């Protein structure tokens, strides 16, 4: 039989491909917590350690802010100078109790501790004997001798030094110096002409000696109470 005219009946119209499902938005994550700044070390006890120099800053930021400006105002720079060795920064001591310890070498040590690198600074000066268990004597003092005071025996007064150097003081912060041995004296200096400190280069009655057997330590307090 002949095929019907017109061919097979048309099929259903083609359907459009299904639309893809909408993409899910990525989850919103909370921002990471801010990085924690390293915690400041706990304050050191305001007492002399054994066989070390301890420097503690009890000063307030208001009165001594200018000394802290080169260090971002964070505190006072404790500087150590050994005889014949350039000054080096021990640490910037936070206001109101920041401190640092420096171990005394076994063979002894001579030098000083100050705040900052300038010459017009209060000095804690040391000539320390060996730490070997054998009896020895340490010598120490505070000094407010003005810089540029001429030859060692040229001036016999603080006023003479100031006249020679144009009035530059040898003082920048109040300071006290004590030891871990109660029988050794404590020295306190609260001004540029404090009587317990060296006032001119040969003011040698201000040197203090303390006998020990190798364990003596020191406390240098900035702005002592």
Protein backbone atom coordinates (compact mmCIF):
# COMPACT_ATOMS: atom_id res chain seq x y z
CA UNK A 1 0.00 0.00 0.00
CA UNK A 2 1.41 3.44 -0.80
CA UNK A 3 2.58 5.46 2.19
CA UNK A 4 0.24 8.19 3.21
CA UNK A 5 0.96 11.49 1.68
CA UNK A 6 2.81 14.08 3.70
CA UNK A 7 5.09 11.69 5.65
CA UNK A 8 4.81 10.81 9.32
CA UNK A 9 2.95 13.17 11.61
CA UNK A 10 5.13 15.83 13.26
CA UNK A 11 6.47 14.98 16.72
CA UNK A 12 6.38 17.20 19.77
CA UNK A 13 8.40 20.41 19.53
CA UNK A 14 11.97 20.18 20.86
CA UNK A 15 12.30 21.34 24.44
CA UNK A 16 14.96 23.77 25.63
CA UNK A 17 17.69 22.19 27.75
CA UNK A 18 17.05 22.58 31.47
CA UNK A 19 18.66 25.58 33.08
CA UNK A 20 21.51 24.72 35.44
CA UNK A 21 20.72 25.16 39.12
CA UNK A 22 21.88 28.48 40.52
CA UNK A 23 25.35 28.38 42.02
CA UNK A 24 25.42 28.58 45.78
CA UNK A 25 27.15 31.65 47.15
CA UNK A 26 30.30 30.78 49.10
CA UNK A 27 29.80 30.92 52.84
CA UNK A 28 30.76 34.22 54.48
CA UNK A 29 33.57 33.50 56.88
CA UNK A 30 34.20 35.70 59.90
CA UNK A 31 37.35 37.83 59.71
CA UNK A 32 40.40 36.31 61.34
CA UNK A 33 41.08 37.54 64.86
CA UNK A 34 43.73 40.27 65.08
CA UNK A 35 47.24 39.05 65.74
CA UNK A 36 48.02 39.21 69.41
CA UNK A 37 50.88 41.46 70.36
CA UNK A 38 53.53 39.72 72.42
CA UNK A 39 52.78 40.14 76.07
CA UNK A 40 55.11 42.38 78.03
CA UNK A 41 57.34 40.39 80.34
CA UNK A 42 56.32 40.46 83.99
CA UNK A 43 58.04 43.16 86.03
CA UNK A 44 61.19 42.14 87.84
CA UNK A 45 61.29 42.32 91.62
CA UNK A 46 62.66 45.61 92.91
CA UNK A 47 65.48 43.86 94.74
CA UNK A 48 69.08 43.02 93.98
CA UNK A 49 69.62 39.64 92.29
CA UNK A 50 72.57 37.30 92.87
CA UNK A 51 75.63 37.87 90.69
CA UNK A 52 73.87 40.19 88.21
CA UNK A 53 73.06 43.83 87.54
CA UNK A 54 69.33 44.53 87.60
CA UNK A 55 67.96 47.82 86.23
CA UNK A 56 64.34 48.71 87.08
CA UNK A 57 62.47 51.74 85.72
CA UNK A 58 60.02 53.29 88.21
CA UNK A 59 59.85 56.59 86.31
CA UNK A 60 56.62 57.94 84.82
CA UNK A 61 56.26 58.80 81.13
CA UNK A 62 55.27 62.42 81.72
CA UNK A 63 58.43 63.77 83.30
CA UNK A 64 60.97 61.78 81.29
CA UNK A 65 59.21 61.47 77.93
CA UNK A 66 62.01 63.28 76.06
CA UNK A 67 64.49 60.51 76.97
CA UNK A 68 62.08 57.93 75.52
CA UNK A 69 61.26 59.73 72.25
CA UNK A 70 63.94 57.91 70.18
CA UNK A 71 62.34 54.62 71.29
CA UNK A 72 58.72 55.42 70.46
CA UNK A 73 57.96 56.63 73.98
CA UNK A 74 57.76 53.05 75.26
CA UNK A 75 60.17 53.52 78.13
CA UNK A 76 63.72 54.43 79.14
CA UNK A 77 66.74 52.91 77.34
CA UNK A 78 69.11 51.16 79.75
CA UNK A 79 72.62 51.40 78.28
CA UNK A 80 75.66 49.37 79.39
CA UNK A 81 79.22 50.53 78.78
CA UNK A 82 82.22 48.35 79.61
CA UNK A 83 85.66 49.89 79.96
CA UNK A 84 87.02 50.16 76.42
CA UNK A 85 83.77 48.84 74.91
CA UNK A 86 81.23 51.04 73.06
CA UNK A 87 77.87 51.59 74.79
CA UNK A 88 75.21 49.00 73.99
CA UNK A 89 71.46 49.01 74.61
CA UNK A 90 70.44 46.45 77.23
CA UNK A 91 66.73 47.04 76.73
CA UNK A 92 64.04 49.72 76.66
CA UNK A 93 62.49 49.52 80.13
CA UNK A 94 58.73 50.00 80.25
CA UNK A 95 57.32 52.74 82.44
CA UNK A 96 56.43 51.91 86.01
CA UNK A 97 58.39 48.72 86.57
CA UNK A 98 60.07 47.44 83.40
CA UNK A 99 63.41 45.83 84.15
CA UNK A 100 66.35 43.88 82.80
CA UNK A 101 69.05 41.65 84.31
CA UNK A 102 72.64 41.41 83.08
CA UNK A 103 74.82 38.57 84.35
CA UNK A 104 78.19 39.66 85.75
CA UNK A 105 81.03 37.78 84.01
CA UNK A 106 82.91 35.23 86.11
CA UNK A 107 86.16 37.10 85.63
CA UNK A 108 84.74 40.38 86.96
CA UNK A 109 83.82 43.53 85.07
CA UNK A 110 84.34 47.30 84.99
CA UNK A 111 81.92 49.73 83.39
CA UNK A 112 78.77 51.76 83.93
CA UNK A 113 75.01 51.78 83.41
CA UNK A 114 73.08 54.87 82.30
CA UNK A 115 69.85 55.96 80.63
CA UNK A 116 70.50 56.78 76.97
CA UNK A 117 73.66 57.33 74.98
CA UNK A 118 74.24 61.00 75.78
CA UNK A 119 77.14 62.18 77.93
CA UNK A 120 74.94 64.24 80.28
CA UNK A 121 73.65 61.22 82.18
CA UNK A 122 73.58 59.90 85.71
CA UNK A 123 76.02 56.96 85.92
CA UNK A 124 76.11 53.84 88.07
CA UNK A 125 79.80 52.88 87.95
CA UNK A 126 81.36 49.52 88.82
CA UNK A 127 84.71 47.81 89.29
CA UNK A 128 83.70 44.23 90.11
CA UNK A 129 85.99 41.42 91.20
CA UNK A 130 85.98 37.82 89.95
CA UNK A 131 82.96 35.60 90.65
CA UNK A 132 85.00 32.50 91.55
CA UNK A 133 84.00 31.85 95.15
CA UNK A 134 87.18 33.43 96.47
CA UNK A 135 86.83 36.52 98.64
CA UNK A 136 87.03 39.77 96.69
CA UNK A 137 85.94 43.40 97.00
CA UNK A 138 83.66 45.20 94.55
CA UNK A 139 83.79 48.98 94.18
CA UNK A 140 80.80 50.99 92.98
CA UNK A 141 79.41 54.53 92.99
CA UNK A 142 76.95 56.93 91.39
CA UNK A 143 78.34 59.82 89.36
CA UNK A 144 76.97 63.16 88.19
CA UNK A 145 80.32 64.52 87.03
CA UNK A 146 79.61 66.92 84.15
CA UNK A 147 81.12 65.84 80.80
CA UNK A 148 84.12 67.75 79.51
CA UNK A 149 85.53 68.50 82.95
CA UNK A 150 89.11 68.78 81.75
CA UNK A 151 92.06 66.79 83.09
CA UNK A 152 91.32 64.44 85.99
CA UNK A 153 92.62 66.80 88.69
CA UNK A 154 91.81 70.08 86.94
CA UNK A 155 88.55 70.67 88.85
CA UNK A 156 87.87 70.13 92.54
CA UNK A 157 84.20 71.10 92.42
CA UNK A 158 81.09 70.54 90.34
CA UNK A 159 80.88 74.27 89.69
CA UNK A 160 84.36 74.25 88.14
CA UNK A 161 83.29 71.49 85.75
CA UNK A 162 80.17 73.40 84.73
CA UNK A 163 82.24 76.50 84.09
CA UNK A 164 84.60 74.55 81.83
CA UNK A 165 81.89 72.81 79.77
CA UNK A 166 79.42 75.66 79.43
CA UNK A 167 76.90 74.44 82.00
CA UNK A 168 76.22 70.89 80.73
CA UNK A 169 75.06 68.70 83.63
CA UNK A 170 76.15 65.13 84.26
CA UNK A 171 72.65 64.09 85.31
CA UNK A 172 69.41 63.04 83.59
CA UNK A 173 67.37 60.78 85.93
CA UNK A 174 67.26 60.11 89.69
CA UNK A 175 68.91 56.82 90.52
CA UNK A 176 69.67 54.56 93.47
CA UNK A 177 72.19 51.74 93.73
CA UNK A 178 71.89 48.90 96.24
CA UNK A 179 73.30 45.39 96.62
CA UNK A 180 72.14 41.90 97.52
CA UNK A 181 74.18 42.10 100.74
CA UNK A 182 72.28 44.02 103.44
CA UNK A 183 75.46 45.19 105.16
CA UNK A 184 76.60 47.10 102.06
CA UNK A 185 75.30 50.68 101.81
CA UNK A 186 72.68 51.99 99.37
CA UNK A 187 73.51 55.14 97.37
CA UNK A 188 70.74 57.52 96.28
CA UNK A 189 70.97 60.48 93.90
CA UNK A 190 67.94 62.70 93.23
CA UNK A 191 69.51 65.77 91.61
CA UNK A 192 72.44 67.10 89.55
CA UNK A 193 74.48 67.93 92.66
CA UNK A 194 73.43 65.10 94.99
CA UNK A 195 75.96 64.77 97.82
CA UNK A 196 76.23 60.95 97.72
CA UNK A 197 77.47 60.87 94.10
CA UNK A 198 80.74 61.86 92.45
CA UNK A 199 80.52 65.60 91.68
CA UNK A 200 83.94 66.03 90.04
CA UNK A 201 86.55 63.56 88.71
CA UNK A 202 88.65 63.14 91.89
CA UNK A 203 85.72 63.10 94.34
CA UNK A 204 87.01 59.70 95.42
CA UNK A 205 85.46 59.65 98.89
CA UNK A 206 82.21 58.70 97.10
CA UNK A 207 83.47 55.24 96.09
CA UNK A 208 81.95 52.37 98.09
CA UNK A 209 83.64 48.99 98.60
CA UNK A 210 81.88 45.75 99.51
CA UNK A 211 83.59 42.44 100.30
CA UNK A 212 81.97 39.19 99.14
CA UNK A 213 82.79 35.66 98.03
CA UNK A 214 81.55 35.78 94.46
CA UNK A 215 77.77 36.13 94.69
CA UNK A 216 77.15 39.87 95.09
CA UNK A 217 74.51 41.43 92.81
CA UNK A 218 73.20 44.96 92.27
CA UNK A 219 69.93 46.83 91.85
CA UNK A 220 69.90 50.09 89.90
CA UNK A 221 66.53 51.81 90.38
CA UNK A 222 65.51 54.66 88.11
CA UNK A 223 63.32 57.18 89.94
CA UNK A 224 63.57 55.41 93.31
CA UNK A 225 60.67 55.97 95.74
